[in-house]
Each structure stands twice: as C-alpha cells, then as structure tokens.
Amino acid sequence: MLRLSGLTIATTNMRQMVRFYNAVFDARLKATVHIGSQQFYGGKIGALELTLCPNAIAGVVAQQNRQQLRFEVGDIERAIQRGLACHGSEINPIDEYKGAKVASLADPDGNTIEFVQLMS
C-alpha cells in the first residue's frame, strides 16, 4: 500500500503562512516543536498531516516551488477570497475548464496552489 500521509513546507514568513493555511484550508495549525529559537507548526489538511518548518532550519533555496498542489473545494470563490485576504496572491483568476471552475493562488511564501470546483 502506498499513501501520502504528510507534507512539510519550508517557510520564511511563518506568521502569514499559519494564517493563510488556517483560513483557506482550516488546517488548525498549532505551535509544536521548538529548535533553538525556531518554532514549527503542525496541523492537517483533510487527512494529510501538515508541518510548517522554518526555512532557517530547512535551508531550502528556491525561486519558485517545483511542485504544485491541487485541491478540490466546494466553494472556489470562498477559498480564493480567504487566500487573498491572508496575503495570498492571484496567479490565475477563476475560470471554467472542462466542467469545472479552476483558479490558482500563491501562498505568502510564493508556493502555487491550484483550486478546482467540480460543477454538477
């Protein structure tokens, strides 16, 4: 059996990232581990464990993410509005494509996220 059970995101702007993921995905991120002066946060997106790791520890050097997450949502307008209100930035506005509404945002650290709302 193969199952994705967790995701760790290295972050440079922890406060804005916690606010964004809690508002958009109801991740319920809470402070977990301290390493030195660095605070980690943990929560969930659906059944997926989410960890925000300070980039000062992770040491990731990237101009843009090399992967993009796609989430199916029940209300794409609400998800996009919440993301924009929490320091997200619009990549692609809401549009219709193959029987779905689609849009994408960047989170406060610039990671791109695609949102899809299936239309009945």
PDB file of N, CA and C in Angstrom:
ATOM      1  N   MET A   1       0.848  -1.190   0.000  1.00  0.00           N
ATOM      2  CA  MET A   1       0.000   0.000   0.000  1.00  0.00           C
ATOM      3  C   MET A   1       0.885   1.242   0.000  1.00  0.00           C
ATOM      4  N   LEU A   2       0.524   2.198  -0.784  1.00  0.00           N
ATOM      5  CA  LEU A   2       1.229   3.473  -0.850  1.00  0.00           C
ATOM      6  C   LEU A   2       0.227   4.579  -0.606  1.00  0.00           C
ATOM      7  N   ARG A   3       0.545   5.466   0.350  1.00  0.00           N
ATOM      8  CA  ARG A   3      -0.375   6.545   0.693  1.00  0.00           C
ATOM      9  C   ARG A   3       0.446   7.746   1.127  1.00  0.00           C
ATOM     10  N   LEU A   4       0.135   8.904   0.593  1.00  0.00           N
ATOM     11  CA  LEU A   4       0.768  10.140   1.037  1.00  0.00           C
ATOM     12  C   LEU A   4       0.144  10.518   2.368  1.00  0.00           C
ATOM     13  N   SER A   5       0.966  10.640   3.415  1.00  0.00           N
ATOM     14  CA  SER A   5       0.405  10.889   4.741  1.00  0.00           C
ATOM     15  C   SER A   5       0.791  12.244   5.315  1.00  0.00           C
ATOM     16  N   GLY A   6       1.772  12.913   4.710  1.00  0.00           N
ATOM     17  CA  GLY A   6       2.181  14.183   5.269  1.00  0.00           C
ATOM     18  C   GLY A   6       2.874  15.073   4.261  1.00  0.00           C
ATOM     19  N   LEU A   7       2.910  16.355   4.603  1.00  0.00           N
ATOM     20  CA  LEU A   7       3.533  17.365   3.766  1.00  0.00           C
ATOM     21  C   LEU A   7       4.235  18.356   4.687  1.00  0.00           C
ATOM     22  N   THR A   8       5.488  18.655   4.394  1.00  0.00           N
ATOM     23  CA  THR A   8       6.222  19.681   5.127  1.00  0.00           C
ATOM     24  C   THR A   8       6.536  20.811   4.172  1.00  0.00           C
ATOM     25  N   ILE A   9       6.237  22.030   4.597  1.00  0.00           N
ATOM     26  CA  ILE A   9       6.522  23.213   3.792  1.00  0.00           C
ATOM     27  C   ILE A   9       7.546  24.051   4.547  1.00  0.00           C
ATOM     28  N   ALA A  10       8.680  24.303   3.909  1.00  0.00           N
ATOM     29  CA  ALA A  10       9.680  25.212   4.473  1.00  0.00           C
ATOM     30  C   ALA A  10       9.177  26.631   4.252  1.00  0.00           C
ATOM     31  N   THR A  11       9.148  27.428   5.305  1.00  0.00           N
ATOM     32  CA  THR A  11       8.551  28.752   5.195  1.00  0.00           C
ATOM     33  C   THR A  11       9.464  29.851   5.722  1.00  0.00           C
ATOM     34  N   THR A  12       9.403  30.997   5.066  1.00  0.00           N
ATOM     35  CA  THR A  12      10.186  32.150   5.511  1.00  0.00           C
ATOM     36  C   THR A  12       9.330  33.155   6.267  1.00  0.00           C
ATOM     37  N   ASN A  13       8.023  33.127   6.067  1.00  0.00           N
ATOM     38  CA  ASN A  13       7.128  34.058   6.747  1.00  0.00           C
ATOM     39  C   ASN A  13       6.101  33.255   7.535  1.00  0.00           C
ATOM     40  N   MET A  14       6.532  32.733   8.670  1.00  0.00           N
ATOM     41  CA  MET A  14       5.723  31.777   9.427  1.00  0.00           C
ATOM     42  C   MET A  14       4.355  32.341   9.822  1.00  0.00           C
ATOM     43  N   ARG A  15       4.300  33.537  10.363  1.00  0.00           N
ATOM     44  CA  ARG A  15       3.030  34.079  10.846  1.00  0.00           C
ATOM     45  C   ARG A  15       1.993  34.162   9.720  1.00  0.00           C
ATOM     46  N   GLN A  16       2.384  34.689   8.559  1.00  0.00           N
ATOM     47  CA  GLN A  16       1.450  34.805   7.433  1.00  0.00           C
ATOM     48  C   GLN A  16       1.078  33.430   6.885  1.00  0.00           C
ATOM     49  N   MET A  17       2.030  32.500   6.869  1.00  0.00           N
ATOM     50  CA  MET A  17       1.741  31.152   6.362  1.00  0.00           C
ATOM     51  C   MET A  17       0.753  30.429   7.274  1.00  0.00           C
ATOM     52  N   VAL A  18       0.910  30.548   8.587  1.00  0.00           N
ATOM     53  CA  VAL A  18      -0.027  29.924   9.522  1.00  0.00           C
ATOM     54  C   VAL A  18      -1.424  30.506   9.307  1.00  0.00           C
ATOM     55  N   ARG A  19      -1.506  31.813   9.203  1.00  0.00           N
ATOM     56  CA  ARG A  19      -2.809  32.467   8.995  1.00  0.00           C
ATOM     57  C   ARG A  19      -3.444  32.010   7.678  1.00  0.00           C
ATOM     58  N   PHE A  20      -2.661  31.965   6.603  1.00  0.00           N
ATOM     59  CA  PHE A  20      -3.155  31.571   5.288  1.00  0.00           C
ATOM     60  C   PHE A  20      -3.705  30.139   5.306  1.00  0.00           C
ATOM     61  N   TYR A  21      -2.919  29.176   5.779  1.00  0.00           N
ATOM     62  CA  TYR A  21      -3.349  27.774   5.740  1.00  0.00           C
ATOM     63  C   TYR A  21      -4.495  27.505   6.711  1.00  0.00           C
ATOM     64  N   ASN A  22      -4.548  28.211   7.821  1.00  0.00           N
ATOM     65  CA  ASN A  22      -5.690  28.067   8.721  1.00  0.00           C
ATOM     66  C   ASN A  22      -6.959  28.647   8.098  1.00  0.00           C
ATOM     67  N   ALA A  23      -6.856  29.779   7.422  1.00  0.00           N
ATOM     68  CA  ALA A  23      -8.032  30.419   6.823  1.00  0.00           C
ATOM     69  C   ALA A  23      -8.527  29.674   5.591  1.00  0.00           C
ATOM     70  N   VAL A  24      -7.624  29.283   4.710  1.00  0.00           N
ATOM     71  CA  VAL A  24      -8.026  28.685   3.436  1.00  0.00           C
ATOM     72  C   VAL A  24      -8.373  27.207   3.580  1.00  0.00           C
ATOM     73  N   PHE A  25      -7.615  26.463   4.381  1.00  0.00           N
ATOM     74  CA  PHE A  25      -7.772  25.010   4.476  1.00  0.00           C
ATOM     75  C   PHE A  25      -8.247  24.525   5.843  1.00  0.00           C
ATOM     76  N   ASP A  26      -8.528  25.445   6.764  1.00  0.00           N
ATOM     77  CA  ASP A  26      -8.907  25.060   8.125  1.00  0.00           C
ATOM     78  C   ASP A  26      -7.909  24.031   8.677  1.00  0.00           C
ATOM     79  N   ALA A  27      -6.626  24.309   8.487  1.00  0.00           N
ATOM     80  CA  ALA A  27      -5.561  23.369   8.860  1.00  0.00           C
ATOM     81  C   ALA A  27      -5.367  23.237  10.365  1.00  0.00           C
ATOM     82  N   ARG A  28      -5.883  24.187  11.132  1.00  0.00           N
ATOM     83  CA  ARG A  28      -5.761  24.160  12.592  1.00  0.00           C
ATOM     84  C   ARG A  28      -4.306  24.000  13.032  1.00  0.00           C
ATOM     85  N   LEU A  29      -3.454  24.784  12.402  1.00  0.00           N
ATOM     86  CA  LEU A  29      -2.029  24.743  12.739  1.00  0.00           C
ATOM     87  C   LEU A  29      -1.807  25.281  14.141  1.00  0.00           C
ATOM     88  N   LYS A  30      -1.021  24.547  14.896  1.00  0.00           N
ATOM     89  CA  LYS A  30      -0.664  24.916  16.266  1.00  0.00           C
ATOM     90  C   LYS A  30       0.849  24.799  16.424  1.00  0.00           C
ATOM     91  N   ALA A  31       1.408  25.608  17.309  1.00  0.00           N
ATOM     92  CA  ALA A  31       2.836  25.513  17.609  1.00  0.00           C
ATOM     93  C   ALA A  31       3.136  24.107  18.132  1.00  0.00           C
ATOM     94  N   THR A  32       4.215  23.513  17.630  1.00  0.00           N
ATOM     95  CA  THR A  32       4.600  22.167  18.070  1.00  0.00           C
ATOM     96  C   THR A  32       5.995  22.216  18.679  1.00  0.00           C
ATOM     97  N   VAL A  33       6.993  21.964  17.888  1.00  0.00           N
ATOM     98  CA  VAL A  33       8.369  21.825  18.366  1.00  0.00           C
ATOM     99  C   VAL A  33       9.137  23.134  18.230  1.00  0.00           C
ATOM    100  N   HIS A  34       9.989  23.398  19.212  1.00  0.00           N
ATOM    101  CA  HIS A  34      10.970  24.487  19.141  1.00  0.00           C
ATOM    102  C   HIS A  34      12.343  23.862  18.916  1.00  0.00           C
ATOM    103  N   ILE A  35      13.095  24.371  17.985  1.00  0.00           N
ATOM    104  CA  ILE A  35      14.506  24.009  17.853  1.00  0.00           C
ATOM    105  C   ILE A  35      15.260  25.324  17.924  1.00  0.00           C
ATOM    106  N   GLY A  36      15.961  25.522  19.027  1.00  0.00           N
ATOM    107  CA  GLY A  36      16.582  26.814  19.273  1.00  0.00           C
ATOM    108  C   GLY A  36      15.491  27.862  19.353  1.00  0.00           C
ATOM    109  N   SER A  37      15.618  28.908  18.572  1.00  0.00           N
ATOM    110  CA  SER A  37      14.602  29.965  18.556  1.00  0.00           C
ATOM    111  C   SER A  37      13.560  29.740  17.467  1.00  0.00           C
ATOM    112  N   GLN A  38      13.633  28.627  16.763  1.00  0.00           N
ATOM    113  CA  GLN A  38      12.751  28.360  15.623  1.00  0.00           C
ATOM    114  C   GLN A  38      11.529  27.542  16.040  1.00  0.00           C
ATOM    115  N   GLN A  39      10.346  28.030  15.671  1.00  0.00           N
ATOM    116  CA  GLN A  39       9.079  27.383  16.016  1.00  0.00           C
ATOM    117  C   GLN A  39       8.502  26.656  14.812  1.00  0.00           C
ATOM    118  N   PHE A  40       8.133  25.397  14.982  1.00  0.00           N
ATOM    119  CA  PHE A  40       7.439  24.609  13.981  1.00  0.00           C
ATOM    120  C   PHE A  40       5.943  24.665  14.284  1.00  0.00           C
ATOM    121  N   TYR A  41       5.116  24.432  13.249  1.00  0.00           N
ATOM    122  CA  TYR A  41       3.672  24.357  13.413  1.00  0.00           C
ATOM    123  C   TYR A  41       3.173  23.083  12.752  1.00  0.00           C
ATOM    124  N   GLY A  42       2.155  22.465  13.342  1.00  0.00           N
ATOM    125  CA  GLY A  42       1.583  21.247  12.787  1.00  0.00           C
ATOM    126  C   GLY A  42       0.073  21.324  12.765  1.00  0.00           C
ATOM    127  N   GLY A  43      -0.513  20.669  11.770  1.00  0.00           N
ATOM    128  CA  GLY A  43      -1.959  20.606  11.631  1.00  0.00           C
ATOM    129  C   GLY A  43      -2.317  19.588  10.564  1.00  0.00           C
ATOM    130  N   LYS A  44      -3.483  19.740   9.968  1.00  0.00           N
ATOM    131  CA  LYS A  44      -3.940  18.810   8.927  1.00  0.00           C
ATOM    132  C   LYS A  44      -4.687  19.552   7.837  1.00  0.00           C
ATOM    133  N   ILE A  45      -4.540  19.061   6.632  1.00  0.00           N
ATOM    134  CA  ILE A  45      -5.399  19.439   5.512  1.00  0.00           C
ATOM    135  C   ILE A  45      -6.114  18.150   5.129  1.00  0.00           C
ATOM    136  N   GLY A  46      -7.386  18.055   5.472  1.00  0.00           N
ATOM    137  CA  GLY A  46      -8.093  16.783   5.311  1.00  0.00           C
ATOM    138  C   GLY A  46      -7.410  15.742   6.186  1.00  0.00           C
ATOM    139  N   ALA A  47      -7.019  14.621   5.596  1.00  0.00           N
ATOM    140  CA  ALA A  47      -6.325  13.567   6.339  1.00  0.00           C
ATOM    141  C   ALA A  47      -4.801  13.711   6.261  1.00  0.00           C
ATOM    142  N   LEU A  48      -4.323  14.710   5.558  1.00  0.00           N
ATOM    143  CA  LEU A  48      -2.895  14.905   5.327  1.00  0.00           C
ATOM    144  C   LEU A  48      -2.269  15.720   6.457  1.00  0.00           C
ATOM    145  N   GLU A  49      -1.269  15.157   7.119  1.00  0.00           N
ATOM    146  CA  GLU A  49      -0.535  15.889   8.153  1.00  0.00           C
ATOM    147  C   GLU A  49       0.243  17.024   7.495  1.00  0.00           C
ATOM    148  N   LEU A  50       0.141  18.229   8.051  1.00  0.00           N
ATOM    149  CA  LEU A  50       0.852  19.384   7.511  1.00  0.00           C
ATOM    150  C   LEU A  50       1.797  19.923   8.573  1.00  0.00           C
ATOM    151  N   THR A  51       3.054  20.116   8.183  1.00  0.00           N
ATOM    152  CA  THR A  51       4.047  20.728   9.059  1.00  0.00           C
ATOM    153  C   THR A  51       4.625  21.943   8.360  1.00  0.00           C
ATOM    154  N   LEU A  52       4.655  23.067   9.074  1.00  0.00           N
ATOM    155  CA  LEU A  52       5.369  24.237   8.583  1.00  0.00           C
ATOM    156  C   LEU A  52       6.693  24.291   9.332  1.00  0.00           C
ATOM    157  N   CYS A  53       7.769  24.246   8.572  1.00  0.00           N
ATOM    158  CA  CYS A  53       9.125  24.210   9.105  1.00  0.00           C
ATOM    159  C   CYS A  53       9.831  25.517   8.771  1.00  0.00           C
ATOM    160  N   PRO A  54      10.442  26.176   9.753  1.00  0.00           N
ATOM    161  CA  PRO A  54      11.172  27.405   9.442  1.00  0.00           C
ATOM    162  C   PRO A  54      12.271  27.135   8.409  1.00  0.00           C
ATOM    163  N   ASN A  55      12.322  27.960   7.380  1.00  0.00           N
ATOM    164  CA  ASN A  55      13.341  27.762   6.346  1.00  0.00           C
ATOM    165  C   ASN A  55      14.753  27.961   6.891  1.00  0.00           C
ATOM    166  N   ALA A  56      14.884  28.660   8.005  1.00  0.00           N
ATOM    167  CA  ALA A  56      16.197  28.791   8.634  1.00  0.00           C
ATOM    168  C   ALA A  56      16.746  27.420   9.009  1.00  0.00           C
ATOM    169  N   ILE A  57      15.885  26.460   9.271  1.00  0.00           N
ATOM    170  CA  ILE A  57      16.302  25.088   9.571  1.00  0.00           C
ATOM    171  C   ILE A  57      16.333  24.253   8.304  1.00  0.00           C
ATOM    172  N   ALA A  58      15.304  24.369   7.471  1.00  0.00           N
ATOM    173  CA  ALA A  58      15.214  23.547   6.257  1.00  0.00           C
ATOM    174  C   ALA A  58      16.299  23.899   5.240  1.00  0.00           C
ATOM    175  N   GLY A  59      16.641  25.173   5.139  1.00  0.00           N
ATOM    176  CA  GLY A  59      17.689  25.600   4.220  1.00  0.00           C
ATOM    177  C   GLY A  59      17.349  25.465   2.755  1.00  0.00           C
ATOM    178  N   VAL A  60      16.076  25.581   2.405  1.00  0.00           N
ATOM    179  CA  VAL A  60      15.666  25.456   1.006  1.00  0.00           C
ATOM    180  C   VAL A  60      15.999  26.747   0.268  1.00  0.00           C
ATOM    181  N   VAL A  61      16.647  26.605  -0.885  1.00  0.00           N
ATOM    182  CA  VAL A  61      16.943  27.746  -1.745  1.00  0.00           C
ATOM    183  C   VAL A  61      16.140  27.530  -3.025  1.00  0.00           C
ATOM    184  N   ALA A  62      15.108  28.357  -3.213  1.00  0.00           N
ATOM    185  CA  ALA A  62      14.243  28.192  -4.387  1.00  0.00           C
ATOM    186  C   ALA A  62      13.643  29.534  -4.760  1.00  0.00           C
ATOM    187  N   GLN A  63      13.543  29.776  -6.045  1.00  0.00           N
ATOM    188  CA  GLN A  63      12.869  30.970  -6.531  1.00  0.00           C
ATOM    189  C   GLN A  63      11.379  30.721  -6.676  1.00  0.00           C
ATOM    190  N   GLN A  64      10.999  29.478  -6.931  1.00  0.00           N
ATOM    191  CA  GLN A  64       9.603  29.091  -7.065  1.00  0.00           C
ATOM    192  C   GLN A  64       9.508  27.599  -6.750  1.00  0.00           C
ATOM    193  N   ASN A  65       8.325  27.168  -6.295  1.00  0.00           N
ATOM    194  CA  ASN A  65       8.153  25.756  -5.976  1.00  0.00           C
ATOM    195  C   ASN A  65       8.321  24.885  -7.212  1.00  0.00           C
ATOM    196  N   ARG A  66       8.723  23.651  -7.002  1.00  0.00           N
ATOM    197  CA  ARG A  66       8.884  22.700  -8.101  1.00  0.00           C
ATOM    198  C   ARG A  66       7.730  21.715  -8.164  1.00  0.00           C
ATOM    199  N   GLN A  67       6.772  21.855  -7.294  1.00  0.00           N
ATOM    200  CA  GLN A  67       5.566  21.049  -7.297  1.00  0.00           C
ATOM    201  C   GLN A  67       4.396  21.989  -7.062  1.00  0.00           C
ATOM    202  N   GLN A  68       3.226  21.550  -7.486  1.00  0.00           N
ATOM    203  CA  GLN A  68       2.032  22.367  -7.253  1.00  0.00           C
ATOM    204  C   GLN A  68       0.942  21.458  -6.715  1.00  0.00           C
ATOM    205  N   LEU A  69       0.359  21.846  -5.611  1.00  0.00           N
ATOM    206  CA  LEU A  69      -0.734  21.086  -5.037  1.00  0.00           C
ATOM    207  C   LEU A  69      -2.045  21.504  -5.690  1.00  0.00           C
ATOM    208  N   ARG A  70      -2.969  20.553  -5.830  1.00  0.00           N
ATOM    209  CA  ARG A  70      -4.296  20.823  -6.383  1.00  0.00           C
ATOM    210  C   ARG A  70      -5.317  20.348  -5.362  1.00  0.00           C
ATOM    211  N   PHE A  71      -6.245  21.235  -5.015  1.00  0.00           N
ATOM    212  CA  PHE A  71      -7.282  20.904  -4.044  1.00  0.00           C
ATOM    213  C   PHE A  71      -8.648  21.054  -4.674  1.00  0.00           C
ATOM    214  N   GLU A  72      -9.493  20.052  -4.465  1.00  0.00           N
ATOM    215  CA  GLU A  72     -10.887  20.148  -4.870  1.00  0.00           C
ATOM    216  C   GLU A  72     -11.644  20.789  -3.717  1.00  0.00           C
ATOM    217  N   VAL A  73     -12.373  21.848  -4.016  1.00  0.00           N
ATOM    218  CA  VAL A  73     -13.105  22.592  -2.989  1.00  0.00           C
ATOM    219  C   VAL A  73     -14.575  22.679  -3.360  1.00  0.00           C
ATOM    220  N   GLY A  74     -15.411  22.896  -2.359  1.00  0.00           N
ATOM    221  CA  GLY A  74     -16.842  23.018  -2.597  1.00  0.00           C
ATOM    222  C   GLY A  74     -17.256  24.419  -3.011  1.00  0.00           C
ATOM    223  N   ASP A  75     -16.459  25.419  -2.640  1.00  0.00           N
ATOM    224  CA  ASP A  75     -16.780  26.817  -2.945  1.00  0.00           C
ATOM    225  C   ASP A  75     -15.487  27.544  -3.308  1.00  0.00           C
ATOM    226  N   ILE A  76     -15.188  27.586  -4.585  1.00  0.00           N
ATOM    227  CA  ILE A  76     -13.916  28.148  -5.042  1.00  0.00           C
ATOM    228  C   ILE A  76     -13.824  29.649  -4.760  1.00  0.00           C
ATOM    229  N   GLU A  77     -14.949  30.351  -4.901  1.00  0.00           N
ATOM    230  CA  GLU A  77     -14.921  31.795  -4.625  1.00  0.00           C
ATOM    231  C   GLU A  77     -14.499  32.058  -3.178  1.00  0.00           C
ATOM    232  N   ARG A  78     -15.052  31.295  -2.253  1.00  0.00           N
ATOM    233  CA  ARG A  78     -14.722  31.445  -0.828  1.00  0.00           C
ATOM    234  C   ARG A  78     -13.252  31.136  -0.571  1.00  0.00           C
ATOM    235  N   ALA A  79     -12.751  30.045  -1.154  1.00  0.00           N
ATOM    236  CA  ALA A  79     -11.345  29.667  -0.957  1.00  0.00           C
ATOM    237  C   ALA A  79     -10.413  30.754  -1.482  1.00  0.00           C
ATOM    238  N   ILE A  80     -10.690  31.285  -2.654  1.00  0.00           N
ATOM    239  CA  ILE A  80      -9.842  32.325  -3.244  1.00  0.00           C
ATOM    240  C   ILE A  80      -9.923  33.609  -2.421  1.00  0.00           C
ATOM    241  N   GLN A  81     -11.120  34.012  -2.019  1.00  0.00           N
ATOM    242  CA  GLN A  81     -11.274  35.232  -1.212  1.00  0.00           C
ATOM    243  C   GLN A  81     -10.512  35.119   0.104  1.00  0.00           C
ATOM    244  N   ARG A  82     -10.599  33.973   0.767  1.00  0.00           N
ATOM    245  CA  ARG A  82      -9.876  33.776   2.029  1.00  0.00           C
ATOM    246  C   ARG A  82      -8.371  33.832   1.804  1.00  0.00           C
ATOM    247  N   GLY A  83      -7.913  33.211   0.739  1.00  0.00           N
ATOM    248  CA  GLY A  83      -6.487  33.230   0.437  1.00  0.00           C
ATOM    249  C   GLY A  83      -5.968  34.630   0.170  1.00  0.00           C
ATOM    250  N   LEU A  84      -6.709  35.399  -0.622  1.00  0.00           N
ATOM    251  CA  LEU A  84      -6.295  36.769  -0.930  1.00  0.00           C
ATOM    252  C   LEU A  84      -6.312  37.654   0.318  1.00  0.00           C
ATOM    253  N   ALA A  85      -7.264  37.414   1.213  1.00  0.00           N
ATOM    254  CA  ALA A  85      -7.357  38.193   2.447  1.00  0.00           C
ATOM    255  C   ALA A  85      -6.215  37.877   3.417  1.00  0.00           C
ATOM    256  N   CYS A  86      -5.545  36.753   3.201  1.00  0.00           N
ATOM    257  CA  CYS A  86      -4.466  36.314   4.106  1.00  0.00           C
ATOM    258  C   CYS A  86      -3.111  36.311   3.397  1.00  0.00           C
ATOM    259  N   HIS A  87      -2.857  37.346   2.609  1.00  0.00           N
ATOM    260  CA  HIS A  87      -1.565  37.568   1.952  1.00  0.00           C
ATOM    261  C   HIS A  87      -1.244  36.584   0.836  1.00  0.00           C
ATOM    262  N   GLY A  88      -2.262  35.896   0.301  1.00  0.00           N
ATOM    263  CA  GLY A  88      -2.052  35.113  -0.902  1.00  0.00           C
ATOM    264  C   GLY A  88      -2.093  36.045  -2.102  1.00  0.00           C
ATOM    265  N   SER A  89      -1.581  35.592  -3.231  1.00  0.00           N
ATOM    266  CA  SER A  89      -1.639  36.419  -4.443  1.00  0.00           C
ATOM    267  C   SER A  89      -2.197  35.599  -5.599  1.00  0.00           C
ATOM    268  N   GLU A  90      -2.983  36.265  -6.417  1.00  0.00           N
ATOM    269  CA  GLU A  90      -3.639  35.591  -7.534  1.00  0.00           C
ATOM    270  C   GLU A  90      -2.635  35.236  -8.617  1.00  0.00           C
ATOM    271  N   ILE A  91      -2.700  33.990  -9.051  1.00  0.00           N
ATOM    272  CA  ILE A  91      -1.910  33.538 -10.203  1.00  0.00           C
ATOM    273  C   ILE A  91      -2.827  33.487 -11.424  1.00  0.00           C
ATOM    274  N   ASN A  92      -3.919  32.746 -11.302  1.00  0.00           N
ATOM    275  CA  ASN A  92      -4.928  32.652 -12.362  1.00  0.00           C
ATOM    276  C   ASN A  92      -6.294  32.871 -11.734  1.00  0.00           C
ATOM    277  N   PRO A  93      -7.088  33.811 -12.283  1.00  0.00           N
ATOM    278  CA  PRO A  93      -8.426  34.052 -11.731  1.00  0.00           C
ATOM    279  C   PRO A  93      -9.340  32.864 -12.009  1.00  0.00           C
ATOM    280  N   ILE A  94     -10.482  32.855 -11.350  1.00  0.00           N
ATOM    281  CA  ILE A  94     -11.463  31.785 -11.539  1.00  0.00           C
ATOM    282  C   ILE A  94     -11.916  31.763 -12.989  1.00  0.00           C
ATOM    283  N   ASP A  95     -11.886  30.574 -13.574  1.00  0.00           N
ATOM    284  CA  ASP A  95     -12.292  30.371 -14.959  1.00  0.00           C
ATOM    285  C   ASP A  95     -12.966  29.006 -15.036  1.00  0.00           C
ATOM    286  N   GLU A  96     -13.658  28.741 -16.130  1.00  0.00           N
ATOM    287  CA  GLU A  96     -14.267  27.432 -16.345  1.00  0.00           C
ATOM    288  C   GLU A  96     -13.420  26.641 -17.319  1.00  0.00           C
ATOM    289  N   TYR A  97     -13.241  25.344 -16.987  1.00  0.00           N
ATOM    290  CA  TYR A  97     -12.428  24.465 -17.826  1.00  0.00           C
ATOM    291  C   TYR A  97     -12.928  23.035 -17.660  1.00  0.00           C
ATOM    292  N   LYS A  98     -13.368  22.431 -18.737  1.00  0.00           N
ATOM    293  CA  LYS A  98     -13.804  21.034 -18.759  1.00  0.00           C
ATOM    294  C   LYS A  98     -14.765  20.684 -17.628  1.00  0.00           C
ATOM    295  N   GLY A  99     -15.814  21.462 -17.478  1.00  0.00           N
ATOM    296  CA  GLY A  99     -16.843  21.162 -16.498  1.00  0.00           C
ATOM    297  C   GLY A  99     -16.483  21.480 -15.057  1.00  0.00           C
ATOM    298  N   ALA A 100     -15.495  22.337 -14.883  1.00  0.00           N
ATOM    299  CA  ALA A 100     -15.092  22.713 -13.520  1.00  0.00           C
ATOM    300  C   ALA A 100     -14.713  24.189 -13.497  1.00  0.00           C
ATOM    301  N   LYS A 101     -14.759  24.762 -12.304  1.00  0.00           N
ATOM    302  CA  LYS A 101     -14.191  26.089 -12.083  1.00  0.00           C
ATOM    303  C   LYS A 101     -12.780  25.865 -11.557  1.00  0.00           C
ATOM    304  N   VAL A 102     -11.821  26.612 -12.084  1.00  0.00           N
ATOM    305  CA  VAL A 102     -10.426  26.462 -11.674  1.00  0.00           C
ATOM    306  C   VAL A 102      -9.821  27.837 -11.414  1.00  0.00           C
ATOM    307  N   ALA A 103      -8.857  27.872 -10.516  1.00  0.00           N
ATOM    308  CA  ALA A 103      -8.118  29.099 -10.205  1.00  0.00           C
ATOM    309  C   ALA A 103      -6.847  28.697  -9.477  1.00  0.00           C
ATOM    310  N   SER A 104      -5.898  29.621  -9.402  1.00  0.00           N
ATOM    311  CA  SER A 104      -4.702  29.328  -8.623  1.00  0.00           C
ATOM    312  C   SER A 104      -4.220  30.571  -7.897  1.00  0.00           C
ATOM    313  N   LEU A 105      -3.635  30.322  -6.743  1.00  0.00           N
ATOM    314  CA  LEU A 105      -3.064  31.345  -5.870  1.00  0.00           C
ATOM    315  C   LEU A 105      -1.636  30.962  -5.531  1.00  0.00           C
ATOM    316  N   ALA A 106      -0.893  31.942  -5.066  1.00  0.00           N
ATOM    317  CA  ALA A 106       0.384  31.676  -4.413  1.00  0.00           C
ATOM    318  C   ALA A 106       0.177  31.973  -2.936  1.00  0.00           C
ATOM    319  N   ASP A 107       0.709  31.114  -2.064  1.00  0.00           N
ATOM    320  CA  ASP A 107       0.629  31.387  -0.633  1.00  0.00           C
ATOM    321  C   ASP A 107       1.609  32.505  -0.281  1.00  0.00           C
ATOM    322  N   PRO A 108       1.672  32.968   0.952  1.00  0.00           N
ATOM    323  CA  PRO A 108       2.547  34.101   1.290  1.00  0.00           C
ATOM    324  C   PRO A 108       4.032  33.886   0.991  1.00  0.00           C
ATOM    325  N   ASP A 109       4.475  32.640   0.902  1.00  0.00           N
ATOM    326  CA  ASP A 109       5.870  32.362   0.555  1.00  0.00           C
ATOM    327  C   ASP A 109       6.075  32.090  -0.931  1.00  0.00           C
ATOM    328  N   GLY A 110       4.997  32.191  -1.739  1.00  0.00           N
ATOM    329  CA  GLY A 110       5.120  32.043  -3.185  1.00  0.00           C
ATOM    330  C   GLY A 110       4.859  30.661  -3.732  1.00  0.00           C
ATOM    331  N   ASN A 111       4.456  29.695  -2.900  1.00  0.00           N
ATOM    332  CA  ASN A 111       4.123  28.350  -3.385  1.00  0.00           C
ATOM    333  C   ASN A 111       2.772  28.398  -4.087  1.00  0.00           C
ATOM    334  N   THR A 112       2.696  27.869  -5.301  1.00  0.00           N
ATOM    335  CA  THR A 112       1.454  27.930  -6.050  1.00  0.00           C
ATOM    336  C   THR A 112       0.531  26.781  -5.673  1.00  0.00           C
ATOM    337  N   ILE A 113      -0.770  27.087  -5.640  1.00  0.00           N
ATOM    338  CA  ILE A 113      -1.795  26.124  -5.258  1.00  0.00           C
ATOM    339  C   ILE A 113      -2.928  26.252  -6.258  1.00  0.00           C
ATOM    340  N   GLU A 114      -3.377  25.122  -6.793  1.00  0.00           N
ATOM    341  CA  GLU A 114      -4.495  25.113  -7.727  1.00  0.00           C
ATOM    342  C   GLU A 114      -5.762  24.687  -6.988  1.00  0.00           C
ATOM    343  N   PHE A 115      -6.857  25.359  -7.305  1.00  0.00           N
ATOM    344  CA  PHE A 115      -8.159  25.042  -6.715  1.00  0.00           C
ATOM    345  C   PHE A 115      -9.109  24.652  -7.843  1.00  0.00           C
ATOM    346  N   VAL A 116      -9.897  23.603  -7.587  1.00  0.00           N
ATOM    347  CA  VAL A 116     -10.857  23.104  -8.575  1.00  0.00           C
ATOM    348  C   VAL A 116     -12.191  22.900  -7.874  1.00  0.00           C
ATOM    349  N   GLN A 117     -13.248  23.405  -8.496  1.00  0.00           N
ATOM    350  CA  GLN A 117     -14.614  23.150  -8.014  1.00  0.00           C
ATOM    351  C   GLN A 117     -15.347  22.473  -9.137  1.00  0.00           C
ATOM    352  N   LEU A 118     -15.748  21.206  -8.936  1.00  0.00           N
ATOM    353  CA  LEU A 118     -16.493  20.483  -9.949  1.00  0.00           C
ATOM    354  C   LEU A 118     -17.884  21.065 -10.044  1.00  0.00           C
ATOM    355  N   MET A 119     -18.389  21.182 -11.255  1.00  0.00           N
ATOM    356  CA  MET A 119     -19.731  21.716 -11.482  1.00  0.00           C
ATOM    357  C   MET A 119     -20.654  20.557 -11.842  1.00  0.00           C
ATOM    358  N   SER A 120     -21.836  20.544 -11.236  1.00  0.00           N
ATOM    359  CA  SER A 120     -22.790  19.449 -11.475  1.00  0.00           C
ATOM    360  C   SER A 120     -23.497  19.626 -12.783  1.00  0.00           C
TER     361      SER A 120
END
